[in-house]
Amino acid sequence: MSHTALTLDGLRQTIANQLGIDASEIQNDDNLFMLGLDSVSLMTLVGQWREQGISVEFQDLVEEPTLEDWQLRLKLSPV
């Protein structure tokens, strides 16, 4: 399984793929749960990121479900 690079844009694309929407529909401060992300989808994403060696907990991401916050929590490149 190929993974999109974990930059902010990569994160946006990964989440868009999970939601079945275009990445351009996701703004940095959108609540991802309001866009259709659910806890099962989030657990899937967390599992994928852990496989890539990223230390992330489900609870960390569920508290502030925005790209902006996740970028900080996942320590991603802004590009």
N, C-alpha and C. Protein backbone atom coordinates (compact mmCIF):
# COMPACT_ATOMS: atom_id res chain seq x y z
N MET A 1 0.84 -1.18 0.00
CA MET A 1 0.00 0.00 0.00
C MET A 1 0.89 1.24 0.00
N SER A 2 0.64 2.14 -0.94
CA SER A 2 1.46 3.35 -0.99
C SER A 2 0.84 4.43 -0.13
N HIS A 3 1.67 5.21 0.50
CA HIS A 3 1.21 6.28 1.37
C HIS A 3 1.60 7.62 0.77
N THR A 4 0.70 8.59 0.88
CA THR A 4 1.01 9.94 0.46
C THR A 4 2.00 10.52 1.46
N ALA A 5 2.98 11.27 0.97
CA ALA A 5 3.97 11.88 1.86
C ALA A 5 3.27 12.72 2.92
N LEU A 6 3.77 12.66 4.14
CA LEU A 6 3.12 13.38 5.21
C LEU A 6 3.63 14.81 5.33
N THR A 7 3.19 15.61 4.40
CA THR A 7 3.31 17.06 4.48
C THR A 7 1.88 17.53 4.73
N LEU A 8 1.67 18.81 4.90
CA LEU A 8 0.31 19.30 5.09
C LEU A 8 -0.56 18.93 3.88
N ASP A 9 -0.01 19.12 2.69
CA ASP A 9 -0.77 18.76 1.49
C ASP A 9 -1.00 17.26 1.39
N GLY A 10 0.00 16.50 1.80
CA GLY A 10 -0.15 15.04 1.82
C GLY A 10 -1.21 14.60 2.81
N LEU A 11 -1.23 15.24 3.97
CA LEU A 11 -2.24 14.96 4.97
C LEU A 11 -3.63 15.29 4.42
N ARG A 12 -3.75 16.43 3.77
CA ARG A 12 -5.02 16.85 3.17
C ARG A 12 -5.49 15.80 2.15
N GLN A 13 -4.55 15.32 1.32
CA GLN A 13 -4.89 14.33 0.29
C GLN A 13 -5.29 13.00 0.92
N THR A 14 -4.57 12.58 1.93
CA THR A 14 -4.88 11.32 2.60
C THR A 14 -6.28 11.36 3.20
N ILE A 15 -6.62 12.47 3.85
CA ILE A 15 -7.94 12.60 4.47
C ILE A 15 -9.02 12.71 3.39
N ALA A 16 -8.74 13.43 2.32
CA ALA A 16 -9.69 13.54 1.22
C ALA A 16 -9.98 12.15 0.63
N ASN A 17 -8.93 11.35 0.47
CA ASN A 17 -9.11 9.99 -0.04
C ASN A 17 -9.99 9.18 0.90
N GLN A 18 -9.76 9.33 2.20
CA GLN A 18 -10.54 8.60 3.19
C GLN A 18 -12.01 9.02 3.15
N LEU A 19 -12.26 10.31 2.88
CA LEU A 19 -13.63 10.83 2.85
C LEU A 19 -14.28 10.70 1.48
N GLY A 20 -13.48 10.41 0.45
CA GLY A 20 -14.04 10.32 -0.89
C GLY A 20 -14.40 11.68 -1.47
N ILE A 21 -13.64 12.70 -1.09
CA ILE A 21 -13.87 14.05 -1.61
C ILE A 21 -12.59 14.59 -2.22
N ASP A 22 -12.68 15.72 -2.89
CA ASP A 22 -11.51 16.36 -3.48
C ASP A 22 -10.74 17.09 -2.39
N ALA A 23 -9.43 17.01 -2.43
CA ALA A 23 -8.59 17.64 -1.41
C ALA A 23 -8.83 19.14 -1.31
N SER A 24 -9.20 19.76 -2.43
CA SER A 24 -9.43 21.21 -2.41
C SER A 24 -10.64 21.61 -1.56
N GLU A 25 -11.46 20.63 -1.19
CA GLU A 25 -12.64 20.90 -0.37
C GLU A 25 -12.29 21.01 1.12
N ILE A 26 -11.07 20.68 1.49
CA ILE A 26 -10.67 20.69 2.90
C ILE A 26 -9.79 21.89 3.19
N GLN A 27 -10.27 22.77 4.05
CA GLN A 27 -9.51 23.94 4.47
C GLN A 27 -8.74 23.58 5.75
N ASN A 28 -7.69 24.33 6.04
CA ASN A 28 -6.84 24.03 7.20
C ASN A 28 -7.58 24.04 8.53
N ASP A 29 -8.65 24.88 8.63
CA ASP A 29 -9.35 25.00 9.91
C ASP A 29 -10.71 24.32 9.91
N ASP A 30 -11.02 23.53 8.88
CA ASP A 30 -12.28 22.78 8.85
C ASP A 30 -12.28 21.69 9.91
N ASN A 31 -13.43 21.51 10.56
CA ASN A 31 -13.59 20.38 11.47
C ASN A 31 -13.78 19.14 10.60
N LEU A 32 -12.83 18.23 10.66
CA LEU A 32 -12.85 17.06 9.78
C LEU A 32 -14.02 16.14 10.05
N PHE A 33 -14.53 16.14 11.28
CA PHE A 33 -15.70 15.32 11.58
C PHE A 33 -16.95 15.91 10.93
N MET A 34 -17.00 17.23 10.79
CA MET A 34 -18.12 17.87 10.12
C MET A 34 -18.09 17.58 8.61
N LEU A 35 -16.91 17.27 8.09
CA LEU A 35 -16.77 16.92 6.66
C LEU A 35 -17.09 15.45 6.39
N GLY A 36 -17.26 14.68 7.46
CA GLY A 36 -17.63 13.28 7.28
C GLY A 36 -16.68 12.26 7.85
N LEU A 37 -15.55 12.70 8.40
CA LEU A 37 -14.62 11.75 9.03
C LEU A 37 -15.31 11.16 10.26
N ASP A 38 -15.14 9.89 10.48
CA ASP A 38 -15.69 9.27 11.68
C ASP A 38 -14.58 8.57 12.46
N SER A 39 -14.93 8.04 13.61
CA SER A 39 -13.90 7.48 14.48
C SER A 39 -13.23 6.26 13.85
N VAL A 40 -13.98 5.46 13.11
CA VAL A 40 -13.38 4.28 12.46
C VAL A 40 -12.37 4.73 11.41
N SER A 41 -12.73 5.74 10.62
CA SER A 41 -11.81 6.27 9.61
C SER A 41 -10.56 6.84 10.26
N LEU A 42 -10.75 7.55 11.37
CA LEU A 42 -9.61 8.13 12.07
C LEU A 42 -8.70 7.03 12.61
N MET A 43 -9.28 5.96 13.15
CA MET A 43 -8.46 4.86 13.66
C MET A 43 -7.66 4.23 12.52
N THR A 44 -8.26 4.14 11.33
CA THR A 44 -7.55 3.61 10.16
C THR A 44 -6.36 4.49 9.83
N LEU A 45 -6.57 5.81 9.81
CA LEU A 45 -5.49 6.75 9.51
C LEU A 45 -4.38 6.66 10.55
N VAL A 46 -4.76 6.62 11.82
CA VAL A 46 -3.76 6.51 12.89
C VAL A 46 -2.92 5.25 12.70
N GLY A 47 -3.57 4.15 12.35
CA GLY A 47 -2.84 2.90 12.10
C GLY A 47 -1.86 3.03 10.96
N GLN A 48 -2.28 3.70 9.87
CA GLN A 48 -1.39 3.89 8.72
C GLN A 48 -0.19 4.73 9.13
N TRP A 49 -0.42 5.80 9.88
CA TRP A 49 0.68 6.68 10.28
C TRP A 49 1.64 5.99 11.22
N ARG A 50 1.11 5.16 12.11
CA ARG A 50 1.99 4.40 13.01
C ARG A 50 2.88 3.46 12.22
N GLU A 51 2.31 2.83 11.17
CA GLU A 51 3.10 1.94 10.32
C GLU A 51 4.24 2.70 9.66
N GLN A 52 4.06 3.99 9.44
CA GLN A 52 5.10 4.83 8.83
C GLN A 52 6.09 5.35 9.87
N GLY A 53 5.89 4.95 11.13
CA GLY A 53 6.82 5.36 12.18
C GLY A 53 6.47 6.66 12.86
N ILE A 54 5.26 7.15 12.63
CA ILE A 54 4.83 8.40 13.27
C ILE A 54 4.14 8.07 14.58
N SER A 55 4.61 8.68 15.64
CA SER A 55 4.02 8.46 16.96
C SER A 55 2.79 9.33 17.10
N VAL A 56 1.62 8.72 17.08
CA VAL A 56 0.36 9.46 17.16
C VAL A 56 -0.66 8.62 17.91
N GLU A 57 -1.48 9.30 18.69
CA GLU A 57 -2.54 8.65 19.44
C GLU A 57 -3.89 9.15 18.92
N PHE A 58 -4.85 8.26 18.85
CA PHE A 58 -6.20 8.61 18.42
C PHE A 58 -6.73 9.80 19.21
N GLN A 59 -6.57 9.74 20.53
CA GLN A 59 -7.11 10.78 21.40
C GLN A 59 -6.51 12.16 21.09
N ASP A 60 -5.25 12.20 20.71
CA ASP A 60 -4.61 13.48 20.38
C ASP A 60 -5.30 14.16 19.20
N LEU A 61 -5.72 13.35 18.22
CA LEU A 61 -6.29 13.90 17.00
C LEU A 61 -7.78 14.20 17.13
N VAL A 62 -8.47 13.44 17.96
CA VAL A 62 -9.91 13.62 18.08
C VAL A 62 -10.25 14.93 18.82
N GLU A 63 -9.34 15.41 19.64
CA GLU A 63 -9.59 16.63 20.43
C GLU A 63 -9.71 17.87 19.55
N GLU A 64 -8.86 18.00 18.55
CA GLU A 64 -8.86 19.16 17.64
C GLU A 64 -8.80 18.64 16.21
N PRO A 65 -9.94 18.26 15.64
CA PRO A 65 -9.92 17.60 14.32
C PRO A 65 -9.84 18.57 13.14
N THR A 66 -8.71 19.29 13.06
CA THR A 66 -8.47 20.17 11.92
C THR A 66 -7.09 19.85 11.34
N LEU A 67 -6.90 20.14 10.07
CA LEU A 67 -5.58 19.92 9.45
C LEU A 67 -4.52 20.74 10.17
N GLU A 68 -4.88 21.97 10.52
CA GLU A 68 -3.95 22.88 11.18
C GLU A 68 -3.40 22.26 12.47
N ASP A 69 -4.31 21.74 13.29
CA ASP A 69 -3.89 21.15 14.56
C ASP A 69 -3.14 19.84 14.32
N TRP A 70 -3.62 19.03 13.40
CA TRP A 70 -2.96 17.76 13.14
C TRP A 70 -1.56 17.97 12.61
N GLN A 71 -1.36 19.02 11.83
CA GLN A 71 -0.02 19.32 11.32
C GLN A 71 0.94 19.51 12.49
N LEU A 72 0.50 20.24 13.51
CA LEU A 72 1.34 20.48 14.68
C LEU A 72 1.56 19.19 15.47
N ARG A 73 0.50 18.43 15.68
CA ARG A 73 0.60 17.20 16.48
C ARG A 73 1.44 16.14 15.79
N LEU A 74 1.37 16.09 14.46
CA LEU A 74 2.14 15.09 13.72
C LEU A 74 3.52 15.60 13.32
N LYS A 75 3.79 16.87 13.66
CA LYS A 75 5.07 17.51 13.35
C LYS A 75 5.41 17.40 11.86
N LEU A 76 4.46 17.85 11.04
CA LEU A 76 4.60 17.74 9.60
C LEU A 76 5.25 18.97 9.01
N SER A 77 5.82 18.78 7.83
CA SER A 77 6.34 19.89 7.05
C SER A 77 5.17 20.73 6.56
N PRO A 78 5.30 22.07 6.52
CA PRO A 78 4.19 22.91 6.10
C PRO A 78 3.91 22.84 4.60
N VAL A 79 4.78 22.24 3.84
CA VAL A 79 4.62 22.23 2.37
C VAL A 79 3.57 21.20 1.97
